[in-house]
Amino acid sequence: MDEANFVLLADRFLSELGDKVNDHYSRFAEADYDDGVLTIQLPAEGEYVLNRHTPSQQIWLSSPVSGPSYYTYDDTLEKWRNNKDSEQTLTQTIMSELEQIRRDT
């Protein structure tokens, strides 16, 4: 994938993920997207930082729950997949962690 398409794809995903977090988890989380970086603030747990890394064509995640991980876009499935556990998608990781936090609060 060329750089322009990667940036477009990653930015769209991060922006939509931020909107989803704000729509579904606003009681305890606040998402802010700006210039390739999505920050999700969780007052009690810390913050998630997701950013597009153009040279590697990955989205990098820093999670207060699971730590750092890296995701590459799978054209076939049209999902961002974990580089170490290809069964795990970025959306699954974030949503399952936020669901667990919501249950615990």
Protein backbone atom coordinates (compact mmCIF):
# COMPACT_ATOMS: atom_id res chain seq x y z
CA MET A 1 0.00 0.00 0.00
CA ASP A 2 1.36 3.42 -0.80
CA GLU A 3 1.93 6.02 1.92
CA ALA A 4 -1.05 8.24 1.02
CA ASN A 5 -3.50 5.32 1.17
CA PHE A 6 -2.02 4.12 4.46
CA VAL A 7 -2.39 7.57 6.04
CA LEU A 8 -5.98 7.88 4.79
CA LEU A 9 -6.90 4.40 6.03
CA ALA A 10 -5.23 4.79 9.44
CA ASP A 11 -6.62 8.27 10.03
CA ARG A 12 -10.15 7.19 9.16
CA PHE A 13 -9.90 4.19 11.47
CA LEU A 14 -8.49 6.18 14.41
CA SER A 15 -11.07 8.95 14.01
CA GLU A 16 -13.96 6.46 13.86
CA LEU A 17 -12.60 4.54 16.85
CA GLY A 18 -12.43 7.78 18.82
CA ASP A 19 -16.05 8.55 17.91
CA LYS A 20 -17.10 5.05 18.98
CA VAL A 21 -15.36 5.42 22.34
CA ASN A 22 -17.00 8.81 22.93
CA ASP A 23 -20.42 7.42 21.94
CA HIS A 24 -20.30 4.25 24.05
CA TYR A 25 -17.92 4.92 26.95
CA SER A 26 -18.29 8.64 27.69
CA ARG A 27 -19.18 7.89 31.33
CA PHE A 28 -15.55 7.00 32.09
CA ALA A 29 -13.47 7.66 28.97
CA GLU A 30 -12.79 10.60 26.68
CA ALA A 31 -11.24 10.15 23.24
CA ASP A 32 -9.45 12.87 21.31
CA TYR A 33 -8.10 12.41 17.79
CA ASP A 34 -5.59 14.83 16.25
CA ASP A 35 -3.15 14.42 13.37
CA GLY A 36 -2.66 10.67 13.44
CA VAL A 37 -2.81 10.25 17.22
CA LEU A 38 -5.82 9.02 19.20
CA THR A 39 -5.67 9.52 22.95
CA ILE A 40 -8.25 7.89 25.20
CA GLN A 41 -8.20 9.33 28.71
CA LEU A 42 -9.36 7.13 31.58
CA PRO A 43 -9.09 9.11 34.82
CA ALA A 44 -8.72 6.06 37.07
CA GLU A 45 -6.66 3.78 34.78
CA GLY A 46 -4.44 6.10 32.74
CA GLU A 47 -4.54 6.63 29.01
CA TYR A 48 -4.43 4.80 25.72
CA VAL A 49 -2.33 6.27 22.96
CA LEU A 50 -2.79 4.98 19.42
CA ASN A 51 -0.79 6.45 16.59
CA ARG A 52 -0.16 5.74 12.96
CA HIS A 53 3.42 4.86 12.25
CA THR A 54 3.85 5.59 8.59
CA PRO A 55 7.34 4.10 8.02
CA SER A 56 6.19 0.64 9.19
CA GLN A 57 2.58 1.11 8.01
CA GLN A 58 1.32 0.11 11.42
CA ILE A 59 -0.85 1.51 14.16
CA TRP A 60 0.98 1.46 17.45
CA LEU A 61 -0.95 1.06 20.70
CA SER A 62 0.13 1.92 24.21
CA SER A 63 -2.46 0.52 26.62
CA PRO A 64 -2.64 1.02 30.39
CA VAL A 65 -4.07 -2.51 30.57
CA SER A 66 -2.08 -4.64 28.12
CA GLY A 67 0.98 -2.48 27.37
CA PRO A 68 2.42 -1.84 23.90
CA SER A 69 1.36 -3.64 20.74
CA TYR A 70 1.51 -3.11 16.99
CA TYR A 71 -1.15 -3.65 14.34
CA THR A 72 -0.88 -4.08 10.58
CA TYR A 73 -3.77 -3.73 8.17
CA ASP A 74 -5.05 -6.97 6.67
CA ASP A 75 -6.46 -6.17 3.22
CA THR A 76 -8.36 -9.45 3.05
CA LEU A 77 -10.23 -9.01 6.34
CA GLU A 78 -10.17 -5.20 6.23
CA LYS A 79 -9.05 -5.10 9.87
CA TRP A 80 -6.00 -4.02 11.85
CA ARG A 81 -4.43 -7.24 13.17
CA ASN A 82 -2.00 -7.68 16.04
CA ASN A 83 1.51 -8.48 14.82
CA LYS A 84 2.10 -11.09 17.54
CA ASP A 85 -1.40 -12.59 17.70
CA SER A 86 -2.95 -12.37 14.27
CA GLU A 87 -6.33 -13.49 15.64
CA GLN A 88 -6.60 -10.32 17.74
CA THR A 89 -7.72 -7.12 16.03
CA LEU A 90 -7.15 -3.60 17.28
CA THR A 91 -10.87 -2.97 17.65
CA GLN A 92 -11.26 -6.18 19.69
CA THR A 93 -8.38 -5.21 21.97
CA ILE A 94 -9.68 -1.73 22.75
CA MET A 95 -13.32 -2.70 23.10
CA SER A 96 -12.67 -5.74 25.30
CA GLU A 97 -10.41 -3.73 27.59
CA LEU A 98 -12.92 -0.86 27.82
CA GLU A 99 -15.73 -3.34 28.53
CA GLN A 100 -13.69 -4.85 31.36
CA ILE A 101 -12.98 -1.39 32.79
CA ARG A 102 -16.68 -0.49 32.54
CA ARG A 103 -17.63 -3.67 34.44
CA ASP A 104 -15.06 -2.88 37.13
CA THR A 105 -16.25 0.71 37.67
